[in-house]
């Protein structure tokens, strides 16, 4: 195949559709992905939906594993650090945070 033919074939392909990211943050009961979701946040980079804190009574997924099975990609998990002495029962923050993403094609 000549360069001219190859270049012509590439020009006939449709342009790739732009991608946007959806981010799902699940706070789990412990460090295992199959532990229950205790809090969550959803961010939609496509602009299709706007989520606000407290807008749902039920989490989008019961566990992190359920999100993986539905096609979400895990890209960050909290570092597991031991509590400092005297703070073993401090509940001021959610320790087991997992970030998931989906890449979604949008219309240009």
PDB file of N, CA and C in Angstrom:
ATOM      1  N   UNK A   1       0.858  -1.175   0.000  1.00  0.00           N
ATOM      2  CA  UNK A   1       0.000   0.000   0.000  1.00  0.00           C
ATOM      3  C   UNK A   1       0.901   1.234   0.000  1.00  0.00           C
ATOM      4  N   UNK A   2       0.629   2.152  -0.847  1.00  0.00           N
ATOM      5  CA  UNK A   2       1.451   3.357  -0.938  1.00  0.00           C
ATOM      6  C   UNK A   2       1.080   4.334   0.169  1.00  0.00           C
ATOM      7  N   UNK A   3       1.943   5.311   0.382  1.00  0.00           N
ATOM      8  CA  UNK A   3       1.674   6.333   1.389  1.00  0.00           C
ATOM      9  C   UNK A   3       0.405   7.104   1.060  1.00  0.00           C
ATOM     10  N   UNK A   4       0.189   7.347  -0.211  1.00  0.00           N
ATOM     11  CA  UNK A   4      -0.992   8.096  -0.613  1.00  0.00           C
ATOM     12  C   UNK A   4      -2.269   7.340  -0.232  1.00  0.00           C
ATOM     13  N   UNK A   5      -2.312   6.027  -0.470  1.00  0.00           N
ATOM     14  CA  UNK A   5      -3.488   5.230  -0.136  1.00  0.00           C
ATOM     15  C   UNK A   5      -3.702   5.194   1.368  1.00  0.00           C
ATOM     16  N   UNK A   6      -2.638   5.019   2.131  1.00  0.00           N
ATOM     17  CA  UNK A   6      -2.741   4.974   3.592  1.00  0.00           C
ATOM     18  C   UNK A   6      -3.267   6.293   4.129  1.00  0.00           C
ATOM     19  N   UNK A   7      -2.731   7.395   3.645  1.00  0.00           N
ATOM     20  CA  UNK A   7      -3.171   8.700   4.101  1.00  0.00           C
ATOM     21  C   UNK A   7      -4.637   8.930   3.754  1.00  0.00           C
ATOM     22  N   UNK A   8      -5.068   8.504   2.579  1.00  0.00           N
ATOM     23  CA  UNK A   8      -6.458   8.671   2.175  1.00  0.00           C
ATOM     24  C   UNK A   8      -7.404   7.866   3.043  1.00  0.00           C
ATOM     25  N   UNK A   9      -7.000   6.646   3.407  1.00  0.00           N
ATOM     26  CA  UNK A   9      -7.847   5.816   4.275  1.00  0.00           C
ATOM     27  C   UNK A   9      -7.993   6.454   5.644  1.00  0.00           C
ATOM     28  N   UNK A  10      -6.924   7.035   6.159  1.00  0.00           N
ATOM     29  CA  UNK A  10      -6.984   7.685   7.476  1.00  0.00           C
ATOM     30  C   UNK A  10      -7.882   8.912   7.434  1.00  0.00           C
ATOM     31  N   UNK A  11      -7.917   9.603   6.323  1.00  0.00           N
ATOM     32  CA  UNK A  11      -8.733  10.808   6.217  1.00  0.00           C
ATOM     33  C   UNK A  11     -10.221  10.471   6.174  1.00  0.00           C
ATOM     34  N   UNK A  12     -10.572   9.248   5.761  1.00  0.00           N
ATOM     35  CA  UNK A  12     -11.976   8.856   5.665  1.00  0.00           C
ATOM     36  C   UNK A  12     -12.558   8.375   6.989  1.00  0.00           C
ATOM     37  N   UNK A  13     -11.726   8.157   8.003  1.00  0.00           N
ATOM     38  CA  UNK A  13     -12.227   7.714   9.301  1.00  0.00           C
ATOM     39  C   UNK A  13     -12.930   8.859  10.008  1.00  0.00           C
ATOM     40  N   UNK A  14     -14.005   8.544  10.734  1.00  0.00           N
ATOM     41  CA  UNK A  14     -14.657   9.612  11.496  1.00  0.00           C
ATOM     42  C   UNK A  14     -13.753  10.090  12.627  1.00  0.00           C
ATOM     43  N   UNK A  15     -13.860  11.349  12.947  1.00  0.00           N
ATOM     44  CA  UNK A  15     -13.050  11.910  14.032  1.00  0.00           C
ATOM     45  C   UNK A  15     -13.467  11.274  15.350  1.00  0.00           C
ATOM     46  N   UNK A  16     -12.506  11.002  16.216  1.00  0.00           N
ATOM     47  CA  UNK A  16     -12.884  10.422  17.516  1.00  0.00           C
ATOM     48  C   UNK A  16     -13.739  11.401  18.308  1.00  0.00           C
ATOM     49  N   UNK A  17     -14.700  10.844  19.020  1.00  0.00           N
ATOM     50  CA  UNK A  17     -15.571  11.689  19.844  1.00  0.00           C
ATOM     51  C   UNK A  17     -14.824  12.095  21.100  1.00  0.00           C
ATOM     52  N   UNK A  18     -15.042  13.303  21.588  1.00  0.00           N
ATOM     53  CA  UNK A  18     -14.356  13.744  22.800  1.00  0.00           C
ATOM     54  C   UNK A  18     -14.787  12.920  24.011  1.00  0.00           C
ATOM     55  N   UNK A  19     -13.848  12.736  24.932  1.00  0.00           N
ATOM     56  CA  UNK A  19     -14.108  11.990  26.155  1.00  0.00           C
ATOM     57  C   UNK A  19     -14.201  12.932  27.345  1.00  0.00           C
ATOM     58  N   UNK A  20     -15.071  12.596  28.274  1.00  0.00           N
ATOM     59  CA  UNK A  20     -15.173  13.321  29.541  1.00  0.00           C
ATOM     60  C   UNK A  20     -15.141  12.283  30.664  1.00  0.00           C
ATOM     61  N   UNK A  21     -14.706  12.719  31.805  1.00  0.00           N
ATOM     62  CA  UNK A  21     -14.531  11.819  32.939  1.00  0.00           C
ATOM     63  C   UNK A  21     -15.663  11.964  33.945  1.00  0.00           C
ATOM     64  N   UNK A  22     -16.159  10.821  34.411  1.00  0.00           N
ATOM     65  CA  UNK A  22     -17.053  10.778  35.562  1.00  0.00           C
ATOM     66  C   UNK A  22     -16.235  10.209  36.710  1.00  0.00           C
ATOM     67  N   UNK A  23     -16.358  10.797  37.885  1.00  0.00           N
ATOM     68  CA  UNK A  23     -15.607  10.353  39.053  1.00  0.00           C
ATOM     69  C   UNK A  23     -16.587   9.941  40.141  1.00  0.00           C
ATOM     70  N   UNK A  24     -16.329   8.796  40.717  1.00  0.00           N
ATOM     71  CA  UNK A  24     -17.122   8.255  41.814  1.00  0.00           C
ATOM     72  C   UNK A  24     -16.185   8.074  43.001  1.00  0.00           C
ATOM     73  N   UNK A  25     -16.524   8.672  44.122  1.00  0.00           N
ATOM     74  CA  UNK A  25     -15.730   8.526  45.345  1.00  0.00           C
ATOM     75  C   UNK A  25     -16.574   7.739  46.332  1.00  0.00           C
ATOM     76  N   UNK A  26     -16.068   6.579  46.718  1.00  0.00           N
ATOM     77  CA  UNK A  26     -16.760   5.750  47.705  1.00  0.00           C
ATOM     78  C   UNK A  26     -15.926   5.707  48.978  1.00  0.00           C
ATOM     79  N   UNK A  27     -16.568   5.941  50.094  1.00  0.00           N
ATOM     80  CA  UNK A  27     -15.952   5.784  51.406  1.00  0.00           C
ATOM     81  C   UNK A  27     -16.503   4.480  51.968  1.00  0.00           C
ATOM     82  N   UNK A  28     -15.625   3.509  52.176  1.00  0.00           N
ATOM     83  CA  UNK A  28     -16.049   2.188  52.599  1.00  0.00           C
ATOM     84  C   UNK A  28     -15.823   1.991  54.094  1.00  0.00           C
ATOM     85  N   UNK A  29     -16.468   0.981  54.643  1.00  0.00           N
ATOM     86  CA  UNK A  29     -16.393   0.713  56.078  1.00  0.00           C
ATOM     87  C   UNK A  29     -14.996   0.279  56.509  1.00  0.00           C
ATOM     88  N   UNK A  30     -14.255  -0.367  55.600  1.00  0.00           N
ATOM     89  CA  UNK A  30     -12.860  -0.725  55.887  1.00  0.00           C
ATOM     90  C   UNK A  30     -12.085  -0.761  54.587  1.00  0.00           C
ATOM     91  N   UNK A  31     -10.876  -1.281  54.595  1.00  0.00           N
ATOM     92  CA  UNK A  31     -10.009  -1.204  53.426  1.00  0.00           C
ATOM     93  C   UNK A  31     -10.320  -2.222  52.335  1.00  0.00           C
ATOM     94  N   UNK A  32     -11.240  -3.130  52.570  1.00  0.00           N
ATOM     95  CA  UNK A  32     -11.587  -4.142  51.567  1.00  0.00           C
ATOM     96  C   UNK A  32     -12.622  -3.588  50.590  1.00  0.00           C
ATOM     97  N   UNK A  33     -12.411  -3.829  49.307  1.00  0.00           N
ATOM     98  CA  UNK A  33     -13.338  -3.323  48.289  1.00  0.00           C
ATOM     99  C   UNK A  33     -14.728  -3.935  48.389  1.00  0.00           C
ATOM    100  N   UNK A  34     -14.853  -5.056  49.066  1.00  0.00           N
ATOM    101  CA  UNK A  34     -16.181  -5.660  49.212  1.00  0.00           C
ATOM    102  C   UNK A  34     -16.862  -5.267  50.523  1.00  0.00           C
ATOM    103  N   UNK A  35     -16.321  -4.268  51.215  1.00  0.00           N
ATOM    104  CA  UNK A  35     -16.966  -3.779  52.438  1.00  0.00           C
ATOM    105  C   UNK A  35     -18.054  -2.756  52.074  1.00  0.00           C
ATOM    106  N   UNK A  36     -19.006  -2.512  52.963  1.00  0.00           N
ATOM    107  CA  UNK A  36     -20.142  -1.634  52.656  1.00  0.00           C
ATOM    108  C   UNK A  36     -19.734  -0.163  52.451  1.00  0.00           C
ATOM    109  N   UNK A  37     -20.444   0.499  51.562  1.00  0.00           N
ATOM    110  CA  UNK A  37     -20.274   1.934  51.338  1.00  0.00           C
ATOM    111  C   UNK A  37     -20.940   2.691  52.477  1.00  0.00           C
ATOM    112  N   UNK A  38     -20.203   3.626  53.085  1.00  0.00           N
ATOM    113  CA  UNK A  38     -20.773   4.421  54.180  1.00  0.00           C
ATOM    114  C   UNK A  38     -21.009   5.877  53.773  1.00  0.00           C
ATOM    115  N   UNK A  39     -20.340   6.330  52.725  1.00  0.00           N
ATOM    116  CA  UNK A  39     -20.539   7.689  52.196  1.00  0.00           C
ATOM    117  C   UNK A  39     -20.041   7.691  50.755  1.00  0.00           C
ATOM    118  N   UNK A  40     -20.447   8.706  49.993  1.00  0.00           N
ATOM    119  CA  UNK A  40     -20.067   8.741  48.589  1.00  0.00           C
ATOM    120  C   UNK A  40     -20.205  10.145  48.035  1.00  0.00           C
ATOM    121  N   UNK A  41     -19.571  10.336  46.871  1.00  0.00           N
ATOM    122  CA  UNK A  41     -19.710  11.571  46.091  1.00  0.00           C
ATOM    123  C   UNK A  41     -19.592  11.190  44.617  1.00  0.00           C
ATOM    124  N   UNK A  42     -20.332  11.886  43.772  1.00  0.00           N
ATOM    125  CA  UNK A  42     -20.315  11.632  42.336  1.00  0.00           C
ATOM    126  C   UNK A  42     -20.086  12.955  41.621  1.00  0.00           C
ATOM    127  N   UNK A  43     -19.150  12.950  40.676  1.00  0.00           N
ATOM    128  CA  UNK A  43     -18.841  14.140  39.876  1.00  0.00           C
ATOM    129  C   UNK A  43     -18.944  13.762  38.409  1.00  0.00           C
ATOM    130  N   UNK A  44     -19.737  14.504  37.650  1.00  0.00           N
ATOM    131  CA  UNK A  44     -20.009  14.184  36.255  1.00  0.00           C
ATOM    132  C   UNK A  44     -19.389  15.241  35.348  1.00  0.00           C
ATOM    133  N   UNK A  45     -18.269  14.896  34.744  1.00  0.00           N
ATOM    134  CA  UNK A  45     -17.587  15.815  33.842  1.00  0.00           C
ATOM    135  C   UNK A  45     -18.263  15.982  32.501  1.00  0.00           C
ATOM    136  N   UNK A  46     -19.302  15.181  32.232  1.00  0.00           N
ATOM    137  CA  UNK A  46     -20.028  15.335  30.969  1.00  0.00           C
ATOM    138  C   UNK A  46     -21.018  16.485  31.034  1.00  0.00           C
ATOM    139  N   UNK A  47     -21.396  16.883  32.246  1.00  0.00           N
ATOM    140  CA  UNK A  47     -22.386  17.932  32.412  1.00  0.00           C
ATOM    141  C   UNK A  47     -23.817  17.439  32.307  1.00  0.00           C
ATOM    142  N   UNK A  48     -24.022  16.115  32.145  1.00  0.00           N
ATOM    143  CA  UNK A  48     -25.372  15.564  32.015  1.00  0.00           C
ATOM    144  C   UNK A  48     -26.162  15.661  33.313  1.00  0.00           C
ATOM    145  N   UNK A  49     -25.489  15.441  34.435  1.00  0.00           N
ATOM    146  CA  UNK A  49     -26.180  15.473  35.724  1.00  0.00           C
ATOM    147  C   UNK A  49     -25.381  16.304  36.714  1.00  0.00           C
ATOM    148  N   UNK A  50     -26.085  16.884  37.653  1.00  0.00           N
ATOM    149  CA  UNK A  50     -25.449  17.660  38.710  1.00  0.00           C
ATOM    150  C   UNK A  50     -25.832  17.013  40.037  1.00  0.00           C
ATOM    151  N   UNK A  51     -24.834  16.522  40.738  1.00  0.00           N
ATOM    152  CA  UNK A  51     -25.078  15.888  42.028  1.00  0.00           C
ATOM    153  C   UNK A  51     -24.712  16.854  43.140  1.00  0.00           C
ATOM    154  N   UNK A  52     -25.470  16.786  44.214  1.00  0.00           N
ATOM    155  CA  UNK A  52     -25.196  17.620  45.383  1.00  0.00           C
ATOM    156  C   UNK A  52     -25.139  16.712  46.604  1.00  0.00           C
ATOM    157  N   UNK A  53     -24.449  17.157  47.630  1.00  0.00           N
ATOM    158  CA  UNK A  53     -24.363  16.384  48.859  1.00  0.00           C
ATOM    159  C   UNK A  53     -25.766  16.141  49.404  1.00  0.00           C
ATOM    160  N   UNK A  54     -26.033  14.892  49.763  1.00  0.00           N
ATOM    161  CA  UNK A  54     -27.327  14.557  50.351  1.00  0.00           C
ATOM    162  C   UNK A  54     -28.460  14.406  49.364  1.00  0.00           C
ATOM    163  N   UNK A  55     -28.178  14.347  48.055  1.00  0.00           N
ATOM    164  CA  UNK A  55     -29.270  14.252  47.086  1.00  0.00           C
ATOM    165  C   UNK A  55     -29.779  12.822  46.882  1.00  0.00           C
ATOM    166  N   UNK A  56     -29.179  11.852  47.585  1.00  0.00           N
ATOM    167  CA  UNK A  56     -29.649  10.473  47.491  1.00  0.00           C
ATOM    168  C   UNK A  56     -29.526   9.801  48.857  1.00  0.00           C
ATOM    169  N   UNK A  57     -30.514   8.982  49.167  1.00  0.00           N
ATOM    170  CA  UNK A  57     -30.495   8.265  50.436  1.00  0.00           C
ATOM    171  C   UNK A  57     -29.692   6.972  50.364  1.00  0.00           C
ATOM    172  N   UNK A  58     -29.562   6.420  49.178  1.00  0.00           N
ATOM    173  CA  UNK A  58     -28.848   5.163  48.986  1.00  0.00           C
ATOM    174  C   UNK A  58     -27.599   5.408  48.148  1.00  0.00           C
ATOM    175  N   UNK A  59     -26.498   4.735  48.481  1.00  0.00           N
ATOM    176  CA  UNK A  59     -25.278   4.905  47.674  1.00  0.00           C
ATOM    177  C   UNK A  59     -25.479   4.343  46.272  1.00  0.00           C
ATOM    178  N   UNK A  60     -24.731   4.851  45.296  1.00  0.00           N
ATOM    179  CA  UNK A  60     -24.863   4.335  43.934  1.00  0.00           C
ATOM    180  C   UNK A  60     -24.425   2.876  43.829  1.00  0.00           C
ATOM    181  N   UNK A  61     -23.528   2.435  44.715  1.00  0.00           N
ATOM    182  CA  UNK A  61     -23.069   1.054  44.763  1.00  0.00           C
ATOM    183  C   UNK A  61     -22.930   0.642  46.221  1.00  0.00           C
ATOM    184  N   UNK A  62     -23.334  -0.570  46.532  1.00  0.00           N
ATOM    185  CA  UNK A  62     -23.266  -1.066  47.907  1.00  0.00           C
ATOM    186  C   UNK A  62     -21.830  -1.298  48.355  1.00  0.00           C
ATOM    187  N   UNK A  63     -20.946  -1.613  47.401  1.00  0.00           N
ATOM    188  CA  UNK A  63     -19.534  -1.858  47.704  1.00  0.00           C
ATOM    189  C   UNK A  63     -18.679  -1.321  46.558  1.00  0.00           C
ATOM    190  N   UNK A  64     -17.391  -1.228  46.793  1.00  0.00           N
ATOM    191  CA  UNK A  64     -16.470  -0.863  45.725  1.00  0.00           C
ATOM    192  C   UNK A  64     -16.407  -1.939  44.656  1.00  0.00           C
ATOM    193  N   UNK A  65     -16.517  -3.185  45.066  1.00  0.00           N
ATOM    194  CA  UNK A  65     -16.500  -4.293  44.115  1.00  0.00           C
ATOM    195  C   UNK A  65     -17.682  -4.207  43.149  1.00  0.00           C
ATOM    196  N   UNK A  66     -18.834  -3.793  43.628  1.00  0.00           N
ATOM    197  CA  UNK A  66     -20.007  -3.624  42.758  1.00  0.00           C
ATOM    198  C   UNK A  66     -19.736  -2.544  41.700  1.00  0.00           C
ATOM    199  N   UNK A  67     -19.042  -1.483  42.076  1.00  0.00           N
ATOM    200  CA  UNK A  67     -18.688  -0.437  41.108  1.00  0.00           C
ATOM    201  C   UNK A  67     -17.729  -0.985  40.048  1.00  0.00           C
ATOM    202  N   UNK A  68     -16.753  -1.789  40.460  1.00  0.00           N
ATOM    203  CA  UNK A  68     -15.836  -2.403  39.498  1.00  0.00           C
ATOM    204  C   UNK A  68     -16.589  -3.302  38.527  1.00  0.00           C
ATOM    205  N   UNK A  69     -17.517  -4.072  39.039  1.00  0.00           N
ATOM    206  CA  UNK A  69     -18.294  -4.991  38.185  1.00  0.00           C
ATOM    207  C   UNK A  69     -19.171  -4.241  37.191  1.00  0.00           C
ATOM    208  N   UNK A  70     -19.504  -2.994  37.502  1.00  0.00           N
ATOM    209  CA  UNK A  70     -20.327  -2.181  36.607  1.00  0.00           C
ATOM    210  C   UNK A  70     -19.481  -1.362  35.631  1.00  0.00           C
ATOM    211  N   UNK A  71     -18.177  -1.569  35.629  1.00  0.00           N
ATOM    212  CA  UNK A  71     -17.322  -0.914  34.642  1.00  0.00           C
ATOM    213  C   UNK A  71     -16.542   0.291  35.129  1.00  0.00           C
ATOM    214  N   UNK A  72     -16.686   0.681  36.386  1.00  0.00           N
ATOM    215  CA  UNK A  72     -15.886   1.783  36.922  1.00  0.00           C
ATOM    216  C   UNK A  72     -14.462   1.297  37.125  1.00  0.00           C
ATOM    217  N   UNK A  73     -13.489   2.159  36.831  1.00  0.00           N
ATOM    218  CA  UNK A  73     -12.076   1.823  37.003  1.00  0.00           C
ATOM    219  C   UNK A  73     -11.549   2.471  38.276  1.00  0.00           C
ATOM    220  N   UNK A  74     -10.960   1.663  39.139  1.00  0.00           N
ATOM    221  CA  UNK A  74     -10.357   2.169  40.365  1.00  0.00           C
ATOM    222  C   UNK A  74      -9.033   2.824  40.008  1.00  0.00           C
ATOM    223  N   UNK A  75      -8.844   4.092  40.413  1.00  0.00           N
ATOM    224  CA  UNK A  75      -7.563   4.721  40.123  1.00  0.00           C
ATOM    225  C   UNK A  75      -6.864   5.259  41.355  1.00  0.00           C
ATOM    226  N   UNK A  76      -7.499   5.237  42.503  1.00  0.00           N
ATOM    227  CA  UNK A  76      -6.810   5.667  43.721  1.00  0.00           C
ATOM    228  C   UNK A  76      -7.506   5.080  44.940  1.00  0.00           C
ATOM    229  N   UNK A  77      -6.682   4.625  45.876  1.00  0.00           N
ATOM    230  CA  UNK A  77      -7.181   4.135  47.160  1.00  0.00           C
ATOM    231  C   UNK A  77      -6.383   4.823  48.255  1.00  0.00           C
ATOM    232  N   UNK A  78      -7.007   5.051  49.375  1.00  0.00           N
ATOM    233  CA  UNK A  78      -6.334   5.712  50.488  1.00  0.00           C
ATOM    234  C   UNK A  78      -5.157   4.874  50.977  1.00  0.00           C
ATOM    235  N   UNK A  79      -4.114   5.564  51.355  1.00  0.00           N
ATOM    236  CA  UNK A  79      -2.972   4.897  51.962  1.00  0.00           C
ATOM    237  C   UNK A  79      -3.386   4.419  53.353  1.00  0.00           C
ATOM    238  N   UNK A  80      -3.031   3.204  53.683  1.00  0.00           N
ATOM    239  CA  UNK A  80      -3.384   2.653  54.986  1.00  0.00           C
ATOM    240  C   UNK A  80      -2.314   3.046  56.000  1.00  0.00           C
ATOM    241  N   UNK A  81      -2.683   3.915  56.901  1.00  0.00           N
ATOM    242  CA  UNK A  81      -1.779   4.385  57.945  1.00  0.00           C
ATOM    243  C   UNK A  81      -2.335   4.019  59.304  1.00  0.00           C
ATOM    244  N   UNK A  82      -1.475   3.632  60.219  1.00  0.00           N
ATOM    245  CA  UNK A  82      -1.976   3.325  61.561  1.00  0.00           C
ATOM    246  C   UNK A  82      -2.370   4.614  62.283  1.00  0.00           C
ATOM    247  N   UNK A  83      -3.334   4.493  63.171  1.00  0.00           N
ATOM    248  CA  UNK A  83      -3.730   5.629  63.996  1.00  0.00           C
ATOM    249  C   UNK A  83      -2.623   5.942  64.992  1.00  0.00           C
ATOM    250  N   UNK A  84      -2.486   7.208  65.313  1.00  0.00           N
ATOM    251  CA  UNK A  84      -1.552   7.565  66.378  1.00  0.00           C
ATOM    252  C   UNK A  84      -2.176   7.205  67.713  1.00  0.00           C
ATOM    253  N   UNK A  85      -1.354   6.970  68.686  1.00  0.00           N
ATOM    254  CA  UNK A  85      -1.830   6.553  70.003  1.00  0.00           C
ATOM    255  C   UNK A  85      -2.817   7.582  70.557  1.00  0.00           C
ATOM    256  N   UNK A  86      -3.936   7.083  71.039  1.00  0.00           N
ATOM    257  CA  UNK A  86      -4.971   7.941  71.599  1.00  0.00           C
ATOM    258  C   UNK A  86      -6.027   8.368  70.593  1.00  0.00           C
ATOM    259  N   UNK A  87      -5.804   8.104  69.288  1.00  0.00           N
ATOM    260  CA  UNK A  87      -6.764   8.501  68.254  1.00  0.00           C
ATOM    261  C   UNK A  87      -7.370   7.295  67.541  1.00  0.00           C
ATOM    262  N   UNK A  88      -7.299   6.137  68.163  1.00  0.00           N
ATOM    263  CA  UNK A  88      -7.791   4.915  67.547  1.00  0.00           C
ATOM    264  C   UNK A  88      -9.289   4.946  67.252  1.00  0.00           C
ATOM    265  N   UNK A  89     -10.043   5.699  68.036  1.00  0.00           N
ATOM    266  CA  UNK A  89     -11.494   5.733  67.872  1.00  0.00           C
ATOM    267  C   UNK A  89     -11.992   7.088  67.381  1.00  0.00           C
ATOM    268  N   UNK A  90     -11.118   7.896  66.807  1.00  0.00           N
ATOM    269  CA  UNK A  90     -11.494   9.201  66.259  1.00  0.00           C
ATOM    270  C   UNK A  90     -12.293   8.983  64.975  1.00  0.00           C
ATOM    271  N   UNK A  91     -13.500   9.504  64.929  1.00  0.00           N
ATOM    272  CA  UNK A  91     -14.370   9.344  63.760  1.00  0.00           C
ATOM    273  C   UNK A  91     -14.539  10.645  62.988  1.00  0.00           C
ATOM    274  N   UNK A  92     -13.591  11.556  63.092  1.00  0.00           N
ATOM    275  CA  UNK A  92     -13.716  12.873  62.478  1.00  0.00           C
ATOM    276  C   UNK A  92     -13.511  12.850  60.966  1.00  0.00           C
ATOM    277  N   UNK A  93     -13.049  11.745  60.429  1.00  0.00           N
ATOM    278  CA  UNK A  93     -12.843  11.670  58.988  1.00  0.00           C
ATOM    279  C   UNK A  93     -13.132  10.247  58.531  1.00  0.00           C
ATOM    280  N   UNK A  94     -13.300  10.082  57.246  1.00  0.00           N
ATOM    281  CA  UNK A  94     -13.562   8.766  56.668  1.00  0.00           C
ATOM    282  C   UNK A  94     -12.258   8.257  56.056  1.00  0.00           C
ATOM    283  N   UNK A  95     -11.733   7.211  56.628  1.00  0.00           N
ATOM    284  CA  UNK A  95     -10.384   6.755  56.306  1.00  0.00           C
ATOM    285  C   UNK A  95     -10.268   5.981  54.994  1.00  0.00           C
ATOM    286  N   UNK A  96     -11.283   5.230  54.618  1.00  0.00           N
ATOM    287  CA  UNK A  96     -11.158   4.303  53.493  1.00  0.00           C
ATOM    288  C   UNK A  96     -11.838   4.879  52.256  1.00  0.00           C
ATOM    289  N   UNK A  97     -11.089   5.692  51.531  1.00  0.00           N
ATOM    290  CA  UNK A  97     -11.592   6.458  50.389  1.00  0.00           C
ATOM    291  C   UNK A  97     -11.077   5.824  49.095  1.00  0.00           C
ATOM    292  N   UNK A  98     -11.985   5.573  48.169  1.00  0.00           N
ATOM    293  CA  UNK A  98     -11.632   4.961  46.891  1.00  0.00           C
ATOM    294  C   UNK A  98     -12.182   5.818  45.758  1.00  0.00           C
ATOM    295  N   UNK A  99     -11.333   6.137  44.798  1.00  0.00           N
ATOM    296  CA  UNK A  99     -11.723   6.936  43.636  1.00  0.00           C
ATOM    297  C   UNK A  99     -11.836   6.030  42.417  1.00  0.00           C
ATOM    298  N   UNK A 100     -12.975   6.142  41.728  1.00  0.00           N
ATOM    299  CA  UNK A 100     -13.237   5.379  40.514  1.00  0.00           C
ATOM    300  C   UNK A 100     -13.513   6.360  39.380  1.00  0.00           C
ATOM    301  N   UNK A 101     -13.307   5.905  38.136  1.00  0.00           N
ATOM    302  CA  UNK A 101     -13.611   6.748  36.989  1.00  0.00           C
ATOM    303  C   UNK A 101     -14.262   5.951  35.886  1.00  0.00           C
ATOM    304  N   UNK A 102     -15.014   6.677  35.068  1.00  0.00           N
ATOM    305  CA  UNK A 102     -15.514   6.185  33.792  1.00  0.00           C
ATOM    306  C   UNK A 102     -15.209   7.260  32.776  1.00  0.00           C
ATOM    307  N   UNK A 103     -14.741   6.840  31.598  1.00  0.00           N
ATOM    308  CA  UNK A 103     -14.554   7.776  30.502  1.00  0.00           C
ATOM    309  C   UNK A 103     -15.744   7.620  29.566  1.00  0.00           C
ATOM    310  N   UNK A 104     -16.412   8.730  29.288  1.00  0.00           N
ATOM    311  CA  UNK A 104     -17.665   8.720  28.532  1.00  0.00           C
ATOM    312  C   UNK A 104     -17.501   9.590  27.289  1.00  0.00           C
ATOM    313  N   UNK A 105     -17.904   9.036  26.142  1.00  0.00           N
ATOM    314  CA  UNK A 105     -17.887   9.821  24.920  1.00  0.00           C
ATOM    315  C   UNK A 105     -19.040  10.816  24.935  1.00  0.00           C
ATOM    316  N   UNK A 106     -18.776  12.019  24.469  1.00  0.00           N
ATOM    317  CA  UNK A 106     -19.821  13.034  24.357  1.00  0.00           C
ATOM    318  C   UNK A 106     -19.910  13.508  22.913  1.00  0.00           C
ATOM    319  N   UNK A 107     -21.008  14.131  22.579  1.00  0.00           N
ATOM    320  CA  UNK A 107     -21.155  14.701  21.252  1.00  0.00           C
ATOM    321  C   UNK A 107     -20.326  15.973  21.155  1.00  0.00           C
ATOM    322  N   UNK A 108     -19.611  16.145  20.049  1.00  0.00           N
ATOM    323  CA  UNK A 108     -18.777  17.368  19.918  1.00  0.00           C
ATOM    324  C   UNK A 108     -19.594  18.634  19.816  1.00  0.00           C
TER     325      UNK A 108
END
